Amino acid sequence: MPPIVTPPPEDATPVRRTVTREDLIIAALALIGPHRSLSTLSLREVAREAGIAPNSFYRQFRDMDELSIALIDLAGRSLRTIIGQARRRATVSATSVVWVSVETFMEQLRADDKLLHVLLREGAVGSDDFKHAVERELQYFEDELQVDLVRLAAMDGVRLHAPQLAAKAITRLVFAMGASAMDLPPEKDAELIEEISTMVRMIIVGARTPAAFRRKR
């Protein structure tokens, strides 16, 4: 008589022998949404989404905070690479660089991987540790943008006043506008790209006008 095989319960968690950090990051990304922060995810939810037993989670991360910060770091690196490549492709003028950069930013806002959403959301509603991690990523954006702003000004034969402040103003403006745009329909993107690009160009023009920063006696 053949042995009787009892099927597993329908709600049983499928267990895999191995799990990678990438598996868990992908699982966390799949769970967050427009109105859900990383701080609301539980370890069991992520493990279930990744198809592993909860104890297997600890082979890769100490806790959910470590996973979330790794995800924020990944989001920052990926976006800096994508937007940096876009800026380097548009080297004709500051105007074209601004347009291409903002357009690329908005494309990433609508991307399926939700990486930009991680930075925008956790910088506003995440825990203090998450906010610090996002702040660190924004500073990396600013450092790289500052280099490009100085380079473009030199190409045009002008000097930039306080380039680090100009880079910070642009970065904070674009991310703040992006956070507002998350809840808007994609049909609004073209209008937003035009609006953000105009505001960024206004900052650049102002930074290239030294007379505007001379103190009156």
C-alpha atoms as a PDB file:
ATOM      1  CA  MET A   1       0.000   0.000   0.000  1.00  0.00           C
ATOM      2  CA  PRO A   2       1.536   3.327  -1.026  1.00  0.00           C
ATOM      3  CA  PRO A   3       2.262   5.841   1.758  1.00  0.00           C
ATOM      4  CA  ILE A   4      -0.361   8.468   2.352  1.00  0.00           C
ATOM      5  CA  VAL A   5       0.962  11.958   1.594  1.00  0.00           C
ATOM      6  CA  THR A   6      -0.732  14.750   3.466  1.00  0.00           C
ATOM      7  CA  PRO A   7      -0.728  18.004   1.456  1.00  0.00           C
ATOM      8  CA  PRO A   8       0.591  21.090   3.299  1.00  0.00           C
ATOM      9  CA  PRO A   9      -1.935  23.661   4.493  1.00  0.00           C
ATOM     10  CA  GLU A  10      -2.774  26.272   1.883  1.00  0.00           C
ATOM     11  CA  ASP A  11      -1.443  29.087   4.047  1.00  0.00           C
ATOM     12  CA  ALA A  12       1.890  27.381   4.747  1.00  0.00           C
ATOM     13  CA  THR A  13       4.937  29.508   3.938  1.00  0.00           C
ATOM     14  CA  PRO A  14       7.057  27.900   1.207  1.00  0.00           C
ATOM     15  CA  VAL A  15      10.573  27.441   2.568  1.00  0.00           C
ATOM     16  CA  ARG A  16      13.637  27.886   0.404  1.00  0.00           C
ATOM     17  CA  ARG A  17      17.066  26.644   1.396  1.00  0.00           C
ATOM     18  CA  THR A  18      18.882  29.877   0.584  1.00  0.00           C
ATOM     19  CA  VAL A  19      18.000  33.530   0.506  1.00  0.00           C
ATOM     20  CA  THR A  20      20.014  36.548  -0.613  1.00  0.00           C
ATOM     21  CA  ARG A  21      19.958  40.174   0.448  1.00  0.00           C
ATOM     22  CA  GLU A  22      18.569  41.010  -2.972  1.00  0.00           C
ATOM     23  CA  ASP A  23      15.661  38.597  -2.449  1.00  0.00           C
ATOM     24  CA  LEU A  24      14.666  40.389   0.736  1.00  0.00           C
ATOM     25  CA  ILE A  25      15.074  43.867  -0.765  1.00  0.00           C
ATOM     26  CA  ILE A  26      12.889  42.900  -3.722  1.00  0.00           C
ATOM     27  CA  ALA A  27      10.303  41.501  -1.322  1.00  0.00           C
ATOM     28  CA  ALA A  28      10.247  44.739   0.681  1.00  0.00           C
ATOM     29  CA  LEU A  29       9.869  46.790  -2.508  1.00  0.00           C
ATOM     30  CA  ALA A  30       6.914  44.650  -3.548  1.00  0.00           C
ATOM     31  CA  LEU A  31       5.128  45.390  -0.283  1.00  0.00           C
ATOM     32  CA  ILE A  32       5.477  49.163  -0.060  1.00  0.00           C
ATOM     33  CA  GLY A  33       3.096  51.419  -1.937  1.00  0.00           C
ATOM     34  CA  PRO A  34       2.058  55.049  -2.345  1.00  0.00           C
ATOM     35  CA  HIS A  35       0.715  55.153   1.204  1.00  0.00           C
ATOM     36  CA  ARG A  36       2.904  52.574   2.929  1.00  0.00           C
ATOM     37  CA  SER A  37       6.313  53.269   4.446  1.00  0.00           C
ATOM     38  CA  LEU A  38       9.150  50.852   5.094  1.00  0.00           C
ATOM     39  CA  SER A  39       8.669  51.473   8.811  1.00  0.00           C
ATOM     40  CA  THR A  40       5.252  49.768   8.642  1.00  0.00           C
ATOM     41  CA  LEU A  41       6.621  46.486   7.258  1.00  0.00           C
ATOM     42  CA  SER A  42       7.102  43.527   9.567  1.00  0.00           C
ATOM     43  CA  LEU A  43       9.846  40.929   9.310  1.00  0.00           C
ATOM     44  CA  ARG A  44       7.252  38.171   8.874  1.00  0.00           C
ATOM     45  CA  GLU A  45       5.609  40.024   5.968  1.00  0.00           C
ATOM     46  CA  VAL A  46       8.914  40.391   4.138  1.00  0.00           C
ATOM     47  CA  ALA A  47       9.864  36.761   4.810  1.00  0.00           C
ATOM     48  CA  ARG A  48       6.498  35.564   3.516  1.00  0.00           C
ATOM     49  CA  GLU A  49       6.819  37.703   0.370  1.00  0.00           C
ATOM     50  CA  ALA A  50      10.327  36.327  -0.212  1.00  0.00           C
ATOM     51  CA  GLY A  51       9.067  32.759   0.264  1.00  0.00           C
ATOM     52  CA  ILE A  52      11.264  31.917   3.257  1.00  0.00           C
ATOM     53  CA  ALA A  53      10.873  31.075   6.921  1.00  0.00           C
ATOM     54  CA  PRO A  54      11.220  34.136   9.200  1.00  0.00           C
ATOM     55  CA  ASN A  55      14.393  32.776  10.843  1.00  0.00           C
ATOM     56  CA  SER A  56      16.124  32.725   7.451  1.00  0.00           C
ATOM     57  CA  PHE A  57      15.843  36.522   7.359  1.00  0.00           C
ATOM     58  CA  TYR A  58      18.586  36.835   9.982  1.00  0.00           C
ATOM     59  CA  ARG A  59      21.139  35.212   7.718  1.00  0.00           C
ATOM     60  CA  GLN A  60      21.253  38.454   5.728  1.00  0.00           C
ATOM     61  CA  PHE A  61      20.061  41.268   8.017  1.00  0.00           C
ATOM     62  CA  ARG A  62      20.080  41.848  11.769  1.00  0.00           C
ATOM     63  CA  ASP A  63      16.624  43.391  11.689  1.00  0.00           C
ATOM     64  CA  MET A  64      14.167  45.335   9.528  1.00  0.00           C
ATOM     65  CA  ASP A  65      15.979  48.615  10.158  1.00  0.00           C
ATOM     66  CA  GLU A  66      19.166  47.242   8.593  1.00  0.00           C
ATOM     67  CA  LEU A  67      17.215  46.004   5.556  1.00  0.00           C
ATOM     68  CA  SER A  68      15.444  49.355   5.177  1.00  0.00           C
ATOM     69  CA  ILE A  69      18.681  51.362   5.315  1.00  0.00           C
ATOM     70  CA  ALA A  70      20.249  48.991   2.770  1.00  0.00           C
ATOM     71  CA  LEU A  71      17.245  49.628   0.523  1.00  0.00           C
ATOM     72  CA  ILE A  72      17.583  53.413   0.932  1.00  0.00           C
ATOM     73  CA  ASP A  73      21.287  53.157   0.050  1.00  0.00           C
ATOM     74  CA  LEU A  74      20.460  51.061  -3.013  1.00  0.00           C
ATOM     75  CA  ALA A  75      17.818  53.568  -4.109  1.00  0.00           C
ATOM     76  CA  GLY A  76      20.240  56.464  -3.777  1.00  0.00           C
ATOM     77  CA  ARG A  77      23.051  54.735  -5.685  1.00  0.00           C
ATOM     78  CA  SER A  78      20.779  53.595  -8.493  1.00  0.00           C
ATOM     79  CA  LEU A  79      19.177  57.005  -8.976  1.00  0.00           C
ATOM     80  CA  ARG A  80      22.487  58.873  -8.856  1.00  0.00           C
ATOM     81  CA  THR A  81      23.814  56.577 -11.574  1.00  0.00           C
ATOM     82  CA  ILE A  82      20.754  56.987 -13.815  1.00  0.00           C
ATOM     83  CA  ILE A  83      20.445  60.762 -13.426  1.00  0.00           C
ATOM     84  CA  GLY A  84      24.215  61.275 -13.616  1.00  0.00           C
ATOM     85  CA  GLN A  85      24.346  59.390 -16.914  1.00  0.00           C
ATOM     86  CA  ALA A  86      21.483  61.541 -18.214  1.00  0.00           C
ATOM     87  CA  ARG A  87      23.325  64.738 -17.270  1.00  0.00           C
ATOM     88  CA  ARG A  88      26.489  63.580 -18.987  1.00  0.00           C
ATOM     89  CA  ARG A  89      24.568  62.792 -22.192  1.00  0.00           C
ATOM     90  CA  ALA A  90      23.223  66.354 -22.287  1.00  0.00           C
ATOM     91  CA  THR A  91      26.404  68.437 -22.285  1.00  0.00           C
ATOM     92  CA  VAL A  92      25.463  71.104 -24.841  1.00  0.00           C
ATOM     93  CA  SER A  93      24.095  73.667 -22.383  1.00  0.00           C
ATOM     94  CA  ALA A  94      22.829  74.096 -18.854  1.00  0.00           C
ATOM     95  CA  THR A  95      19.287  74.351 -20.231  1.00  0.00           C
ATOM     96  CA  SER A  96      19.423  70.943 -21.911  1.00  0.00           C
ATOM     97  CA  VAL A  97      21.059  69.355 -18.858  1.00  0.00           C
ATOM     98  CA  VAL A  98      18.316  70.694 -16.608  1.00  0.00           C
ATOM     99  CA  TRP A  99      15.552  69.455 -18.887  1.00  0.00           C
ATOM    100  CA  VAL A 100      17.017  65.968 -19.357  1.00  0.00           C
ATOM    101  CA  SER A 101      17.749  65.610 -15.631  1.00  0.00           C
ATOM    102  CA  VAL A 102      14.236  66.613 -14.569  1.00  0.00           C
ATOM    103  CA  GLU A 103      12.676  64.444 -17.261  1.00  0.00           C
ATOM    104  CA  THR A 104      14.748  61.462 -16.095  1.00  0.00           C
ATOM    105  CA  PHE A 105      13.767  62.152 -12.495  1.00  0.00           C
ATOM    106  CA  MET A 106      10.079  62.045 -13.406  1.00  0.00           C
ATOM    107  CA  GLU A 107      10.570  58.848 -15.396  1.00  0.00           C
ATOM    108  CA  GLN A 108      12.069  57.245 -12.297  1.00  0.00           C
ATOM    109  CA  LEU A 109       9.157  58.494 -10.232  1.00  0.00           C
ATOM    110  CA  ARG A 110       6.858  56.391 -12.437  1.00  0.00           C
ATOM    111  CA  ALA A 111       9.235  53.407 -12.706  1.00  0.00           C
ATOM    112  CA  ASP A 112       7.999  50.016 -11.546  1.00  0.00           C
ATOM    113  CA  ASP A 113      10.905  49.458  -9.141  1.00  0.00           C
ATOM    114  CA  LYS A 114       9.672  52.264  -6.808  1.00  0.00           C
ATOM    115  CA  LEU A 115      13.235  53.168  -5.785  1.00  0.00           C
ATOM    116  CA  LEU A 116      12.614  56.897  -5.973  1.00  0.00           C
ATOM    117  CA  HIS A 117       9.460  56.446  -3.888  1.00  0.00           C
ATOM    118  CA  VAL A 118      11.644  54.999  -1.129  1.00  0.00           C
ATOM    119  CA  LEU A 119      13.738  58.171  -0.886  1.00  0.00           C
ATOM    120  CA  LEU A 120      10.793  60.536  -1.164  1.00  0.00           C
ATOM    121  CA  ARG A 121       8.630  58.734   1.380  1.00  0.00           C
ATOM    122  CA  GLU A 122      11.196  57.742   3.982  1.00  0.00           C
ATOM    123  CA  GLY A 123      12.679  61.239   4.021  1.00  0.00           C
ATOM    124  CA  ALA A 124       9.289  62.544   5.118  1.00  0.00           C
ATOM    125  CA  VAL A 125       7.639  59.872   7.266  1.00  0.00           C
ATOM    126  CA  GLY A 126      10.343  57.327   8.082  1.00  0.00           C
ATOM    127  CA  SER A 127      12.077  56.799  11.411  1.00  0.00           C
ATOM    128  CA  ASP A 128      14.961  59.071  12.459  1.00  0.00           C
ATOM    129  CA  ASP A 129      17.483  56.480  11.233  1.00  0.00           C
ATOM    130  CA  PHE A 130      15.734  56.293   7.868  1.00  0.00           C
ATOM    131  CA  LYS A 131      15.633  60.085   7.574  1.00  0.00           C
ATOM    132  CA  HIS A 132      19.352  60.268   8.312  1.00  0.00           C
ATOM    133  CA  ALA A 133      19.996  57.666   5.611  1.00  0.00           C
ATOM    134  CA  VAL A 134      17.920  59.647   3.093  1.00  0.00           C
ATOM    135  CA  GLU A 135      19.705  62.862   4.086  1.00  0.00           C
ATOM    136  CA  ARG A 136      23.029  61.180   3.398  1.00  0.00           C
ATOM    137  CA  GLU A 137      21.841  60.172  -0.076  1.00  0.00           C
ATOM    138  CA  LEU A 138      20.626  63.713  -0.807  1.00  0.00           C
ATOM    139  CA  GLN A 139      24.035  65.066   0.134  1.00  0.00           C
ATOM    140  CA  TYR A 140      25.624  62.655  -2.349  1.00  0.00           C
ATOM    141  CA  PHE A 141      23.251  64.014  -5.015  1.00  0.00           C
ATOM    142  CA  GLU A 142      24.263  67.558  -4.098  1.00  0.00           C
ATOM    143  CA  ASP A 143      27.995  66.801  -4.258  1.00  0.00           C
ATOM    144  CA  GLU A 144      27.704  65.306  -7.747  1.00  0.00           C
ATOM    145  CA  LEU A 145      25.404  68.079  -8.974  1.00  0.00           C
ATOM    146  CA  GLN A 146      27.791  70.733  -7.682  1.00  0.00           C
ATOM    147  CA  VAL A 147      30.572  69.319  -9.861  1.00  0.00           C
ATOM    148  CA  ASP A 148      28.320  69.477 -12.927  1.00  0.00           C
ATOM    149  CA  LEU A 149      27.126  73.011 -12.178  1.00  0.00           C
ATOM    150  CA  VAL A 150      30.705  74.279 -11.923  1.00  0.00           C
ATOM    151  CA  ARG A 151      31.665  72.427 -15.110  1.00  0.00           C
ATOM    152  CA  LEU A 152      28.744  73.872 -17.083  1.00  0.00           C
ATOM    153  CA  ALA A 153      29.422  77.388 -15.807  1.00  0.00           C
ATOM    154  CA  ALA A 154      33.065  77.080 -16.891  1.00  0.00           C
ATOM    155  CA  MET A 155      31.944  75.935 -20.358  1.00  0.00           C
ATOM    156  CA  ASP A 156      29.869  79.115 -20.612  1.00  0.00           C
ATOM    157  CA  GLY A 157      32.728  81.289 -19.331  1.00  0.00           C
ATOM    158  CA  VAL A 158      31.004  82.334 -16.110  1.00  0.00           C
ATOM    159  CA  ARG A 159      31.507  81.756 -12.406  1.00  0.00           C
ATOM    160  CA  LEU A 160      28.971  80.286 -10.047  1.00  0.00           C
ATOM    161  CA  HIS A 161      28.258  81.929  -6.702  1.00  0.00           C
ATOM    162  CA  ALA A 162      28.228  79.424  -3.816  1.00  0.00           C
ATOM    163  CA  PRO A 163      27.883  76.333  -6.033  1.00  0.00           C
ATOM    164  CA  GLN A 164      27.296  74.079  -3.022  1.00  0.00           C
ATOM    165  CA  LEU A 165      24.233  76.132  -2.054  1.00  0.00           C
ATOM    166  CA  ALA A 166      22.959  76.171  -5.631  1.00  0.00           C
ATOM    167  CA  ALA A 167      23.273  72.372  -5.781  1.00  0.00           C
ATOM    168  CA  LYS A 168      21.469  72.038  -2.448  1.00  0.00           C
ATOM    169  CA  ALA A 169      18.662  74.391  -3.511  1.00  0.00           C
ATOM    170  CA  ILE A 170      18.103  72.444  -6.737  1.00  0.00           C
ATOM    171  CA  THR A 171      18.217  69.029  -5.088  1.00  0.00           C
ATOM    172  CA  ARG A 172      15.807  69.965  -2.311  1.00  0.00           C
ATOM    173  CA  LEU A 173      13.447  71.668  -4.755  1.00  0.00           C
ATOM    174  CA  VAL A 174      13.306  68.697  -7.132  1.00  0.00           C
ATOM    175  CA  PHE A 175      12.792  66.152  -4.355  1.00  0.00           C
ATOM    176  CA  ALA A 176      10.087  68.266  -2.710  1.00  0.00           C
ATOM    177  CA  MET A 177       8.269  68.604  -6.035  1.00  0.00           C
ATOM    178  CA  GLY A 178       8.696  64.883  -6.630  1.00  0.00           C
ATOM    179  CA  ALA A 179       7.110  64.060  -3.282  1.00  0.00           C
ATOM    180  CA  SER A 180       4.067  66.130  -4.264  1.00  0.00           C
ATOM    181  CA  ALA A 181       3.950  64.543  -7.709  1.00  0.00           C
ATOM    182  CA  MET A 182       3.685  60.977  -6.355  1.00  0.00           C
ATOM    183  CA  ASP A 183      -0.039  61.460  -5.763  1.00  0.00           C
ATOM    184  CA  LEU A 184      -0.697  63.146  -9.116  1.00  0.00           C
ATOM    185  CA  PRO A 185      -1.703  61.296 -12.296  1.00  0.00           C
ATOM    186  CA  PRO A 186       1.047  60.702 -14.893  1.00  0.00           C
ATOM    187  CA  GLU A 187      -0.849  62.989 -17.280  1.00  0.00           C
ATOM    188  CA  LYS A 188       0.467  65.888 -15.205  1.00  0.00           C
ATOM    189  CA  ASP A 189       4.121  64.940 -15.739  1.00  0.00           C
ATOM    190  CA  ALA A 190       4.757  67.103 -18.814  1.00  0.00           C
ATOM    191  CA  GLU A 191       3.440  70.182 -17.014  1.00  0.00           C
ATOM    192  CA  LEU A 192       5.500  69.368 -13.928  1.00  0.00           C
ATOM    193  CA  ILE A 193       8.679  68.832 -15.944  1.00  0.00           C
ATOM    194  CA  GLU A 194       8.265  72.264 -17.507  1.00  0.00           C
ATOM    195  CA  GLU A 195       7.536  73.876 -14.144  1.00  0.00           C
ATOM    196  CA  ILE A 196      10.399  72.218 -12.268  1.00  0.00           C
ATOM    197  CA  SER A 197      12.854  72.867 -15.103  1.00  0.00           C
ATOM    198  CA  THR A 198      11.942  76.572 -15.115  1.00  0.00           C
ATOM    199  CA  MET A 199      12.463  76.844 -11.349  1.00  0.00           C
ATOM    200  CA  VAL A 200      15.821  75.053 -11.570  1.00  0.00           C
ATOM    201  CA  ARG A 201      16.969  77.377 -14.373  1.00  0.00           C
ATOM    202  CA  MET A 202      15.966  80.359 -12.218  1.00  0.00           C
ATOM    203  CA  ILE A 203      18.265  79.097  -9.463  1.00  0.00           C
ATOM    204  CA  ILE A 204      21.125  78.613 -11.915  1.00  0.00           C
ATOM    205  CA  VAL A 205      20.687  82.050 -13.498  1.00  0.00           C
ATOM    206  CA  GLY A 206      20.630  83.626 -10.044  1.00  0.00           C
ATOM    207  CA  ALA A 207      23.792  81.760  -8.989  1.00  0.00           C
ATOM    208  CA  ARG A 208      25.487  82.977 -12.169  1.00  0.00           C
ATOM    209  CA  THR A 209      24.702  86.623 -11.367  1.00  0.00           C
ATOM    210  CA  PRO A 210      27.302  87.727  -8.799  1.00  0.00           C
ATOM    211  CA  ALA A 211      25.818  91.237  -8.569  1.00  0.00           C
ATOM    212  CA  ALA A 212      22.711  89.755  -6.948  1.00  0.00           C
ATOM    213  CA  PHE A 213      24.798  88.694  -3.940  1.00  0.00           C
ATOM    214  CA  ARG A 214      26.737  91.878  -3.344  1.00  0.00           C
ATOM    215  CA  ARG A 215      25.899  93.422  -0.030  1.00  0.00           C
ATOM    216  CA  LYS A 216      24.650  96.956  -0.161  1.00  0.00           C
ATOM    217  CA  ARG A 217      26.359  99.360   2.216  1.00  0.00           C
END
